Amino acid sequence: MPATETGSSMRKLSDVIRIVKNDHADRDDVVVELRETQAMRLELLVQELQPLLDDIPAEDDQFDLALSSGLQPRFWIDATAHVTMGRDKRTYRFMKDTRLGRVVLSESGDVTVVADHVARYIGERIVEKQRMMEGDVTPVRHGAPAETSEPEKGARGSGFLEGLMIFLLGALAGGGMLIALLWDRLAALGFDFWN
């Protein structure tokens, strides 16, 4: 396709491709900047929590405490709880995955509010683990299955004979009803049960 001259500018396919590539690069830069902004906000949360994180015993392995990158940057507290940024990229969302789905434990634009909730969560987990180790927490006891008495098979006979008797009674009753319903037609065919 030959280049055409419009006004004082001349357009070529290579110029249009260059413009489109620049536009895509600008959009990609915006996406990368948004991700970097989310990661930076999560780093601010980590800095807010740093004194608490330093006090966690080194032998306590129940916490992950790691920033993960990716499409959705997250600050992982443990295997099920994490902080991520909301849809507006300014709101902190402290979430926990449960068997019934994901639960939002705290959501705020203020880093100190979410940091307080995370600190309380960490404290609760540490106390819960200590109580379990000391034996203070009694596990939920599931009741033992109730003892059932076995039905006496010899007293009433075998199940096969009972089933056969029920079948024969049902067949006899069904045959009787069929004869009663079709009595007129049977008489027309020449069946006479009374003679």
C-alpha atoms as a PDB file:
ATOM      1  CA  MET A   1       0.000   0.000   0.000  1.00  0.00           C
ATOM      2  CA  PRO A   2       1.655   3.233  -1.043  1.00  0.00           C
ATOM      3  CA  ALA A   3       2.020   6.037   1.414  1.00  0.00           C
ATOM      4  CA  THR A   4      -0.431   8.844   0.815  1.00  0.00           C
ATOM      5  CA  GLU A   5       0.163  12.442   1.571  1.00  0.00           C
ATOM      6  CA  THR A   6      -2.430  14.117   3.790  1.00  0.00           C
ATOM      7  CA  GLY A   7      -1.796  17.743   4.603  1.00  0.00           C
ATOM      8  CA  SER A   8       1.796  18.341   5.557  1.00  0.00           C
ATOM      9  CA  SER A   9       2.339  15.015   7.336  1.00  0.00           C
ATOM     10  CA  MET A  10       3.222  11.753   5.750  1.00  0.00           C
ATOM     11  CA  ARG A  11       2.074   8.474   7.403  1.00  0.00           C
ATOM     12  CA  LYS A  12       3.911   5.220   6.989  1.00  0.00           C
ATOM     13  CA  LEU A  13       3.073   1.829   8.423  1.00  0.00           C
ATOM     14  CA  SER A  14       6.339   1.813  10.354  1.00  0.00           C
ATOM     15  CA  ASP A  15       5.392   5.147  12.001  1.00  0.00           C
ATOM     16  CA  VAL A  16       1.976   3.817  13.032  1.00  0.00           C
ATOM     17  CA  ILE A  17       3.519   0.624  14.442  1.00  0.00           C
ATOM     18  CA  ARG A  18       6.019   2.700  16.430  1.00  0.00           C
ATOM     19  CA  ILE A  19       3.192   4.842  17.871  1.00  0.00           C
ATOM     20  CA  VAL A  20       1.160   1.752  18.839  1.00  0.00           C
ATOM     21  CA  LYS A  21       4.207   0.146  20.491  1.00  0.00           C
ATOM     22  CA  ASN A  22       4.837   3.324  22.485  1.00  0.00           C
ATOM     23  CA  ASP A  23       1.203   3.355  23.643  1.00  0.00           C
ATOM     24  CA  HIS A  24       1.465  -0.283  24.770  1.00  0.00           C
ATOM     25  CA  ALA A  25       4.714   0.450  26.590  1.00  0.00           C
ATOM     26  CA  ASP A  26       3.076   3.392  28.375  1.00  0.00           C
ATOM     27  CA  ARG A  27       0.176   1.174  29.488  1.00  0.00           C
ATOM     28  CA  ASP A  28       2.575  -1.533  30.645  1.00  0.00           C
ATOM     29  CA  ASP A  29       4.492   1.092  32.608  1.00  0.00           C
ATOM     30  CA  VAL A  30       1.268   2.113  34.354  1.00  0.00           C
ATOM     31  CA  VAL A  31       0.544  -1.513  35.321  1.00  0.00           C
ATOM     32  CA  VAL A  32       4.089  -1.968  36.618  1.00  0.00           C
ATOM     33  CA  GLU A  33       3.854   1.306  38.534  1.00  0.00           C
ATOM     34  CA  LEU A  34       0.583   0.179  40.138  1.00  0.00           C
ATOM     35  CA  ARG A  35       2.198  -3.087  41.224  1.00  0.00           C
ATOM     36  CA  GLU A  36       5.213  -1.219  42.555  1.00  0.00           C
ATOM     37  CA  THR A  37       2.907   1.170  44.416  1.00  0.00           C
ATOM     38  CA  GLN A  38       1.066  -1.745  46.021  1.00  0.00           C
ATOM     39  CA  ALA A  39       4.347  -3.372  47.023  1.00  0.00           C
ATOM     40  CA  MET A  40       5.574  -0.064  48.450  1.00  0.00           C
ATOM     41  CA  ARG A  41       2.407   0.341  50.546  1.00  0.00           C
ATOM     42  CA  LEU A  42       2.803  -3.205  51.856  1.00  0.00           C
ATOM     43  CA  GLU A  43       6.424  -2.409  52.726  1.00  0.00           C
ATOM     44  CA  LEU A  44       5.115   0.538  54.776  1.00  0.00           C
ATOM     45  CA  LEU A  45       2.910  -1.921  56.670  1.00  0.00           C
ATOM     46  CA  VAL A  46       5.913  -4.179  57.292  1.00  0.00           C
ATOM     47  CA  GLN A  47       7.887  -1.189  58.597  1.00  0.00           C
ATOM     48  CA  GLU A  48       4.985  -0.346  60.904  1.00  0.00           C
ATOM     49  CA  LEU A  49       4.993  -3.938  62.204  1.00  0.00           C
ATOM     50  CA  GLN A  50       8.793  -4.329  62.341  1.00  0.00           C
ATOM     51  CA  PRO A  51       9.192  -3.937  66.150  1.00  0.00           C
ATOM     52  CA  LEU A  52       6.558  -6.637  66.660  1.00  0.00           C
ATOM     53  CA  LEU A  53       8.051  -8.895  63.995  1.00  0.00           C
ATOM     54  CA  ASP A  54      11.472  -8.620  65.626  1.00  0.00           C
ATOM     55  CA  ASP A  55       9.981  -9.842  68.937  1.00  0.00           C
ATOM     56  CA  ILE A  56       8.560 -13.057  67.468  1.00  0.00           C
ATOM     57  CA  PRO A  57      10.674 -15.969  68.750  1.00  0.00           C
ATOM     58  CA  ALA A  58      12.982 -17.422  66.108  1.00  0.00           C
ATOM     59  CA  GLU A  59      11.883 -20.974  66.940  1.00  0.00           C
ATOM     60  CA  ASP A  60       8.231 -20.111  66.226  1.00  0.00           C
ATOM     61  CA  ASP A  61       7.698 -21.432  62.718  1.00  0.00           C
ATOM     62  CA  GLN A  62       3.970 -20.796  62.386  1.00  0.00           C
ATOM     63  CA  PHE A  63       4.459 -17.413  60.703  1.00  0.00           C
ATOM     64  CA  ASP A  64       5.656 -16.830  57.139  1.00  0.00           C
ATOM     65  CA  LEU A  65       6.074 -13.028  57.316  1.00  0.00           C
ATOM     66  CA  ALA A  66       7.035 -12.564  53.685  1.00  0.00           C
ATOM     67  CA  LEU A  67       6.224 -10.116  50.923  1.00  0.00           C
ATOM     68  CA  SER A  68       5.269 -11.874  47.716  1.00  0.00           C
ATOM     69  CA  SER A  69       5.319 -10.252  44.336  1.00  0.00           C
ATOM     70  CA  GLY A  70       3.221 -11.101  41.344  1.00  0.00           C
ATOM     71  CA  LEU A  71       0.015  -9.828  39.853  1.00  0.00           C
ATOM     72  CA  GLN A  72      -1.291  -9.113  43.362  1.00  0.00           C
ATOM     73  CA  PRO A  73       1.483  -8.343  45.878  1.00  0.00           C
ATOM     74  CA  ARG A  74       0.752  -9.719  49.357  1.00  0.00           C
ATOM     75  CA  PHE A  75       2.251  -9.660  52.817  1.00  0.00           C
ATOM     76  CA  TRP A  76       1.828 -13.176  54.201  1.00  0.00           C
ATOM     77  CA  ILE A  77       1.421 -13.487  57.956  1.00  0.00           C
ATOM     78  CA  ASP A  78       1.004 -17.279  57.978  1.00  0.00           C
ATOM     79  CA  ALA A  79      -0.213 -19.974  55.607  1.00  0.00           C
ATOM     80  CA  THR A  80      -3.799 -18.707  55.677  1.00  0.00           C
ATOM     81  CA  ALA A  81      -3.663 -14.993  56.521  1.00  0.00           C
ATOM     82  CA  HIS A  82      -2.297 -12.173  54.397  1.00  0.00           C
ATOM     83  CA  VAL A  83      -2.604  -8.461  53.728  1.00  0.00           C
ATOM     84  CA  THR A  84      -3.243  -7.233  50.222  1.00  0.00           C
ATOM     85  CA  MET A  85      -4.327  -3.971  48.686  1.00  0.00           C
ATOM     86  CA  GLY A  86      -7.979  -3.366  47.834  1.00  0.00           C
ATOM     87  CA  ARG A  87      -9.376  -2.563  44.421  1.00  0.00           C
ATOM     88  CA  ASP A  88      -8.645   1.127  44.808  1.00  0.00           C
ATOM     89  CA  LYS A  89      -4.961   0.251  45.516  1.00  0.00           C
ATOM     90  CA  ARG A  90      -5.047   2.452  48.633  1.00  0.00           C
ATOM     91  CA  THR A  91      -7.012   0.288  51.040  1.00  0.00           C
ATOM     92  CA  TYR A  92      -5.278  -2.401  53.079  1.00  0.00           C
ATOM     93  CA  ARG A  93      -7.234  -5.666  53.308  1.00  0.00           C
ATOM     94  CA  PHE A  94      -6.263  -8.151  56.015  1.00  0.00           C
ATOM     95  CA  MET A  95      -7.739 -11.491  54.946  1.00  0.00           C
ATOM     96  CA  LYS A  96      -7.821 -15.084  56.124  1.00  0.00           C
ATOM     97  CA  ASP A  97      -8.606 -18.172  54.067  1.00  0.00           C
ATOM     98  CA  THR A  98     -10.935 -20.599  55.819  1.00  0.00           C
ATOM     99  CA  ARG A  99     -12.692 -23.815  54.846  1.00  0.00           C
ATOM    100  CA  LEU A 100     -15.796 -21.773  54.120  1.00  0.00           C
ATOM    101  CA  GLY A 101     -14.017 -19.196  51.969  1.00  0.00           C
ATOM    102  CA  ARG A 102     -12.020 -16.024  52.358  1.00  0.00           C
ATOM    103  CA  VAL A 103     -12.852 -13.744  55.290  1.00  0.00           C
ATOM    104  CA  VAL A 104     -11.864 -10.073  55.540  1.00  0.00           C
ATOM    105  CA  LEU A 105     -10.570  -9.514  59.078  1.00  0.00           C
ATOM    106  CA  SER A 106      -9.830  -5.821  58.632  1.00  0.00           C
ATOM    107  CA  GLU A 107     -10.034  -3.247  55.861  1.00  0.00           C
ATOM    108  CA  SER A 108      -8.826   0.320  56.142  1.00  0.00           C
ATOM    109  CA  GLY A 109      -6.916   3.001  54.310  1.00  0.00           C
ATOM    110  CA  ASP A 110      -4.967   3.711  57.506  1.00  0.00           C
ATOM    111  CA  VAL A 111      -1.868   1.556  57.850  1.00  0.00           C
ATOM    112  CA  THR A 112      -1.879   1.774  61.671  1.00  0.00           C
ATOM    113  CA  VAL A 113      -5.404   0.340  61.942  1.00  0.00           C
ATOM    114  CA  VAL A 114      -4.496  -2.700  59.856  1.00  0.00           C
ATOM    115  CA  ALA A 115      -1.146  -3.033  61.658  1.00  0.00           C
ATOM    116  CA  ASP A 116      -3.014  -3.166  64.980  1.00  0.00           C
ATOM    117  CA  HIS A 117      -5.285  -5.934  63.685  1.00  0.00           C
ATOM    118  CA  VAL A 118      -2.322  -7.900  62.332  1.00  0.00           C
ATOM    119  CA  ALA A 119      -0.498  -7.487  65.662  1.00  0.00           C
ATOM    120  CA  ARG A 120      -3.532  -8.762  67.559  1.00  0.00           C
ATOM    121  CA  TYR A 121      -3.834 -11.725  65.169  1.00  0.00           C
ATOM    122  CA  ILE A 122      -0.172 -12.642  65.692  1.00  0.00           C
ATOM    123  CA  GLY A 123      -0.594 -12.348  69.459  1.00  0.00           C
ATOM    124  CA  GLU A 124      -3.685 -14.557  69.420  1.00  0.00           C
ATOM    125  CA  ARG A 125      -1.903 -17.196  67.375  1.00  0.00           C
ATOM    126  CA  ILE A 126       1.100 -17.241  69.736  1.00  0.00           C
ATOM    127  CA  VAL A 127      -1.116 -17.526  72.836  1.00  0.00           C
ATOM    128  CA  GLU A 128      -3.216 -20.218  71.156  1.00  0.00           C
ATOM    129  CA  LYS A 129      -0.107 -22.250  70.355  1.00  0.00           C
ATOM    130  CA  GLN A 130       1.257 -21.851  73.910  1.00  0.00           C
ATOM    131  CA  ARG A 131      -2.034 -23.019  75.407  1.00  0.00           C
ATOM    132  CA  MET A 132      -2.106 -26.025  73.094  1.00  0.00           C
ATOM    133  CA  MET A 133       1.487 -26.920  74.031  1.00  0.00           C
ATOM    134  CA  GLU A 134       0.725 -26.627  77.753  1.00  0.00           C
ATOM    135  CA  GLY A 135      -2.428 -28.675  77.430  1.00  0.00           C
ATOM    136  CA  ASP A 136      -4.754 -25.925  78.649  1.00  0.00           C
ATOM    137  CA  VAL A 137      -7.007 -26.270  75.661  1.00  0.00           C
ATOM    138  CA  THR A 138      -9.087 -29.395  75.653  1.00  0.00           C
ATOM    139  CA  PRO A 139      -9.920 -30.605  72.196  1.00  0.00           C
ATOM    140  CA  VAL A 140     -13.528 -30.939  71.198  1.00  0.00           C
ATOM    141  CA  ARG A 141     -14.593 -34.448  72.004  1.00  0.00           C
ATOM    142  CA  HIS A 142     -16.704 -36.209  69.519  1.00  0.00           C
ATOM    143  CA  GLY A 143     -19.133 -38.566  71.221  1.00  0.00           C
ATOM    144  CA  ALA A 144     -18.455 -42.256  70.894  1.00  0.00           C
ATOM    145  CA  PRO A 145     -20.896 -44.022  68.643  1.00  0.00           C
ATOM    146  CA  ALA A 146     -23.826 -45.412  70.554  1.00  0.00           C
ATOM    147  CA  GLU A 147     -23.865 -49.139  70.979  1.00  0.00           C
ATOM    148  CA  THR A 148     -26.549 -50.665  68.840  1.00  0.00           C
ATOM    149  CA  SER A 149     -28.130 -53.962  69.614  1.00  0.00           C
ATOM    150  CA  GLU A 150     -28.027 -56.471  66.814  1.00  0.00           C
ATOM    151  CA  PRO A 151     -31.484 -57.651  65.829  1.00  0.00           C
ATOM    152  CA  GLU A 152     -32.051 -61.269  66.643  1.00  0.00           C
ATOM    153  CA  LYS A 153     -32.268 -63.047  63.317  1.00  0.00           C
ATOM    154  CA  GLY A 154     -33.256 -66.427  64.688  1.00  0.00           C
ATOM    155  CA  ALA A 155     -36.370 -65.173  66.508  1.00  0.00           C
ATOM    156  CA  ARG A 156     -38.245 -63.913  63.443  1.00  0.00           C
ATOM    157  CA  GLY A 157     -36.760 -66.109  60.741  1.00  0.00           C
ATOM    158  CA  SER A 158     -34.463 -65.229  57.915  1.00  0.00           C
ATOM    159  CA  GLY A 159     -34.800 -62.093  55.835  1.00  0.00           C
ATOM    160  CA  PHE A 160     -35.139 -64.116  52.635  1.00  0.00           C
ATOM    161  CA  LEU A 161     -38.298 -65.906  53.779  1.00  0.00           C
ATOM    162  CA  GLU A 162     -39.856 -62.659  54.997  1.00  0.00           C
ATOM    163  CA  GLY A 163     -39.128 -61.017  51.657  1.00  0.00           C
ATOM    164  CA  LEU A 164     -40.562 -63.977  49.729  1.00  0.00           C
ATOM    165  CA  MET A 165     -43.776 -63.899  51.761  1.00  0.00           C
ATOM    166  CA  ILE A 166     -44.208 -60.164  51.175  1.00  0.00           C
ATOM    167  CA  PHE A 167     -43.605 -60.647  47.451  1.00  0.00           C
ATOM    168  CA  LEU A 168     -46.174 -63.471  47.187  1.00  0.00           C
ATOM    169  CA  LEU A 169     -48.812 -61.514  49.134  1.00  0.00           C
ATOM    170  CA  GLY A 170     -48.220 -58.496  46.882  1.00  0.00           C
ATOM    171  CA  ALA A 171     -48.498 -60.630  43.739  1.00  0.00           C
ATOM    172  CA  LEU A 172     -51.736 -62.194  44.998  1.00  0.00           C
ATOM    173  CA  ALA A 173     -53.237 -58.795  45.871  1.00  0.00           C
ATOM    174  CA  GLY A 174     -52.145 -57.331  42.526  1.00  0.00           C
ATOM    175  CA  GLY A 175     -53.649 -60.274  40.611  1.00  0.00           C
ATOM    176  CA  GLY A 176     -56.943 -59.921  42.489  1.00  0.00           C
ATOM    177  CA  MET A 177     -57.130 -56.198  41.705  1.00  0.00           C
ATOM    178  CA  LEU A 178     -56.334 -56.835  38.045  1.00  0.00           C
ATOM    179  CA  ILE A 179     -59.147 -59.397  37.769  1.00  0.00           C
ATOM    180  CA  ALA A 180     -61.593 -57.017  39.496  1.00  0.00           C
ATOM    181  CA  LEU A 181     -60.721 -54.148  37.127  1.00  0.00           C
ATOM    182  CA  LEU A 182     -60.874 -56.241  33.974  1.00  0.00           C
ATOM    183  CA  TRP A 183     -63.922 -58.374  34.975  1.00  0.00           C
ATOM    184  CA  ASP A 184     -66.114 -57.111  32.109  1.00  0.00           C
ATOM    185  CA  ARG A 185     -63.467 -57.679  29.489  1.00  0.00           C
ATOM    186  CA  LEU A 186     -62.675 -61.161  30.751  1.00  0.00           C
ATOM    187  CA  ALA A 187     -66.387 -62.083  30.604  1.00  0.00           C
ATOM    188  CA  ALA A 188     -66.553 -60.815  26.992  1.00  0.00           C
ATOM    189  CA  LEU A 189     -63.595 -63.034  26.089  1.00  0.00           C
ATOM    190  CA  GLY A 190     -65.391 -66.068  27.427  1.00  0.00           C
ATOM    191  CA  PHE A 191     -63.785 -66.460  30.848  1.00  0.00           C
ATOM    192  CA  ASP A 192     -66.454 -67.388  33.324  1.00  0.00           C
ATOM    193  CA  PHE A 193     -65.135 -67.902  36.842  1.00  0.00           C
ATOM    194  CA  TRP A 194     -68.502 -68.879  38.440  1.00  0.00           C
ATOM    195  CA  ASN A 195     -69.402 -71.865  36.244  1.00  0.00           C
END
